Amino acid sequence: MVQLADVLKAIGPNASIVFAAWIFMGFLQQRNDAAIDRYRQAVGDFRSNEHDPSRSGNLKAQVLAYRRRCRLMSRATFVGLVAAILLISSLIFGALDVIVPNTAIIAVCGIGTAIGGFVLVIIAAFIVIAEGRIVQRQIDDELRDVTDLAEGAGGGV
């Protein structure tokens, strides 16, 4: 008869993977929420204020950049969530492997979900890197319509 202790020994040490996945999900969600908040602020600023032509063009570019960031972070959050589900599933397959040992389908599913979860975490991280590049361009573009500051900022603008 299978003991609960055996199942917990099988999945316990690996549960830290699940906790790490959920922490990563929190990170992704925070970035997503921040991008959405800034997007809404930028759209509201663009709608409500009269701007000189150079500022208006810069604001339009900023709004479109925030929209791209929101889309990227939404994708990263979705990919991260699927990764977390796969990693949790791999723990379940690990428990099943203790309950029903030497079952090929359980082993294959456990290996597949573990590898799939890790691959998706990496993909989500690459999406965050792409979003970070947009952030850097936004920082550089922010000064585009303030020539005094743009000249002092150096080569980044």
Protein backbone atom coordinates (compact mmCIF):
# COMPACT_ATOMS: atom_id res chain seq x y z
CA MET A 1 0.00 0.00 0.00
CA VAL A 2 1.21 3.47 -0.89
CA GLN A 3 1.85 5.80 2.01
CA LEU A 4 1.21 9.53 1.94
CA ALA A 5 4.75 10.06 3.18
CA ASP A 6 6.07 8.35 0.03
CA VAL A 7 4.04 10.66 -2.19
CA LEU A 8 5.15 13.75 -0.25
CA LYS A 9 8.79 12.62 -0.45
CA ALA A 10 8.42 12.30 -4.21
CA ILE A 11 6.89 15.72 -4.79
CA GLY A 12 8.01 17.74 -1.75
CA PRO A 13 11.51 18.75 -2.86
CA ASN A 14 10.20 19.65 -6.30
CA ALA A 15 7.41 21.84 -4.95
CA SER A 16 9.89 24.73 -4.87
CA ILE A 17 9.64 24.70 -8.66
CA VAL A 18 5.94 25.46 -8.38
CA PHE A 19 6.57 28.24 -5.89
CA ALA A 20 9.17 29.74 -8.22
CA ALA A 21 6.69 29.53 -11.10
CA TRP A 22 4.07 31.40 -9.08
CA ILE A 23 6.59 34.05 -8.04
CA PHE A 24 7.50 34.46 -11.71
CA MET A 25 3.78 34.75 -12.50
CA GLY A 26 3.48 37.53 -9.93
CA PHE A 27 6.40 39.34 -11.55
CA LEU A 28 4.79 39.00 -14.99
CA GLN A 29 1.43 40.19 -13.70
CA GLN A 30 2.99 43.25 -12.03
CA ARG A 31 4.74 44.23 -15.25
CA ASN A 32 1.53 43.67 -17.18
CA ASP A 33 -0.50 45.78 -14.75
CA ALA A 34 2.11 48.56 -14.82
CA ALA A 35 2.13 48.62 -18.63
CA ILE A 36 -1.68 48.78 -18.73
CA ASP A 37 -1.76 51.61 -16.17
CA ARG A 38 0.82 53.65 -18.10
CA TYR A 39 -1.02 52.94 -21.38
CA ARG A 40 -4.28 54.23 -19.93
CA GLN A 41 -2.55 57.33 -18.55
CA ALA A 42 -0.87 58.05 -21.86
CA VAL A 43 -4.10 57.61 -23.82
CA GLY A 44 -5.92 59.88 -21.37
CA ASP A 45 -3.19 62.51 -21.67
CA PHE A 46 -3.30 62.30 -25.45
CA ARG A 47 -7.10 62.67 -25.51
CA SER A 48 -7.51 65.44 -22.96
CA ASN A 49 -4.74 67.91 -23.66
CA GLU A 50 -3.80 70.14 -26.51
CA HIS A 51 -0.14 69.65 -27.36
CA ASP A 52 2.19 71.39 -29.74
CA PRO A 53 2.89 69.31 -32.86
CA SER A 54 6.27 67.96 -31.72
CA ARG A 55 4.86 66.85 -28.36
CA SER A 56 1.75 65.40 -29.97
CA GLY A 57 3.86 63.20 -32.25
CA ASN A 58 5.97 62.05 -29.33
CA LEU A 59 2.86 61.25 -27.25
CA LYS A 60 1.36 59.28 -30.13
CA ALA A 61 4.54 57.23 -30.41
CA GLN A 62 4.50 56.67 -26.64
CA VAL A 63 0.88 55.48 -26.69
CA LEU A 64 1.63 53.02 -29.49
CA ALA A 65 4.72 51.78 -27.66
CA TYR A 66 2.68 51.24 -24.47
CA ARG A 67 0.14 49.31 -26.51
CA ARG A 68 2.91 47.02 -27.83
CA ARG A 69 4.18 46.59 -24.26
CA CYS A 70 0.70 45.66 -23.04
CA ARG A 71 0.33 43.07 -25.77
CA LEU A 72 3.75 41.58 -25.07
CA MET A 73 3.19 41.44 -21.32
CA SER A 74 -0.25 39.92 -21.82
CA ARG A 75 1.37 37.18 -23.91
CA ALA A 76 4.16 36.71 -21.37
CA THR A 77 1.62 36.40 -18.56
CA PHE A 78 -0.39 33.84 -20.52
CA VAL A 79 2.73 31.82 -21.38
CA GLY A 80 3.87 32.01 -17.74
CA LEU A 81 0.49 30.79 -16.52
CA VAL A 82 0.58 27.80 -18.88
CA ALA A 83 4.14 27.11 -17.69
CA ALA A 84 2.98 27.11 -14.08
CA ILE A 85 0.13 24.73 -14.93
CA LEU A 86 2.55 22.37 -16.66
CA LEU A 87 4.98 22.45 -13.74
CA ILE A 88 2.18 21.74 -11.27
CA SER A 89 1.05 18.91 -13.54
CA SER A 90 4.55 17.46 -13.48
CA LEU A 91 4.31 17.27 -9.68
CA ILE A 92 0.99 15.47 -9.98
CA PHE A 93 2.55 12.99 -12.40
CA GLY A 94 5.39 12.54 -9.89
CA ALA A 95 2.85 11.63 -7.22
CA LEU A 96 1.08 9.29 -9.61
CA ASP A 97 4.40 7.63 -10.38
CA VAL A 98 4.72 6.75 -6.69
CA ILE A 99 1.13 5.47 -6.55
CA VAL A 100 1.33 3.51 -9.81
CA PRO A 101 5.06 2.83 -10.28
CA ASN A 102 6.69 1.86 -13.56
CA THR A 103 3.87 3.15 -15.75
CA ALA A 104 5.31 4.46 -18.99
CA ILE A 105 2.51 6.90 -19.78
CA ILE A 106 2.81 8.54 -16.37
CA ALA A 107 6.57 8.90 -16.76
CA VAL A 108 6.27 10.30 -20.29
CA CYS A 109 3.56 12.78 -19.27
CA GLY A 110 5.56 13.84 -16.21
CA ILE A 111 8.71 14.39 -18.24
CA GLY A 112 6.78 16.20 -20.97
CA THR A 113 5.00 18.56 -18.61
CA ALA A 114 8.21 19.33 -16.70
CA ILE A 115 10.21 20.10 -19.83
CA GLY A 116 7.29 21.98 -21.39
CA GLY A 117 6.89 24.11 -18.28
CA PHE A 118 10.56 25.03 -18.18
CA VAL A 119 10.62 25.83 -21.90
CA LEU A 120 7.61 28.12 -21.49
CA VAL A 121 9.25 29.91 -18.55
CA ILE A 122 12.20 30.64 -20.82
CA ILE A 123 9.90 31.84 -23.62
CA ALA A 124 8.06 34.13 -21.18
CA ALA A 125 11.42 35.52 -20.03
CA PHE A 126 12.38 36.26 -23.65
CA ILE A 127 9.08 38.10 -24.11
CA VAL A 128 9.92 40.20 -21.03
CA ILE A 129 13.32 40.96 -22.58
CA ALA A 130 11.56 42.19 -25.74
CA GLU A 131 9.26 44.34 -23.61
CA GLY A 132 12.29 45.71 -21.77
CA ARG A 133 13.79 46.84 -25.06
CA ILE A 134 10.62 48.83 -25.75
CA VAL A 135 10.93 50.40 -22.28
CA GLN A 136 14.49 51.47 -23.09
CA ARG A 137 13.38 53.03 -26.38
CA GLN A 138 10.57 54.82 -24.54
CA ILE A 139 13.05 56.25 -22.06
CA ASP A 140 15.19 57.52 -24.91
CA ASP A 141 12.20 58.88 -26.86
CA GLU A 142 10.74 60.69 -23.84
CA LEU A 143 13.28 63.49 -24.27
CA ARG A 144 12.86 63.78 -28.02
CA ASP A 145 10.67 66.88 -27.76
CA VAL A 146 12.70 68.56 -24.98
CA THR A 147 15.82 69.67 -26.82
CA ASP A 148 17.62 71.06 -23.76
CA LEU A 149 17.41 67.72 -22.02
CA ALA A 150 17.93 65.65 -25.17
CA GLU A 151 21.26 67.35 -25.83
CA GLY A 152 22.39 66.70 -22.25
CA ALA A 153 21.36 63.03 -22.40
CA GLY A 154 24.01 62.16 -24.96
CA GLY A 155 23.98 59.31 -27.43
CA GLY A 156 20.86 57.57 -26.16
CA VAL A 157 18.50 59.98 -27.93
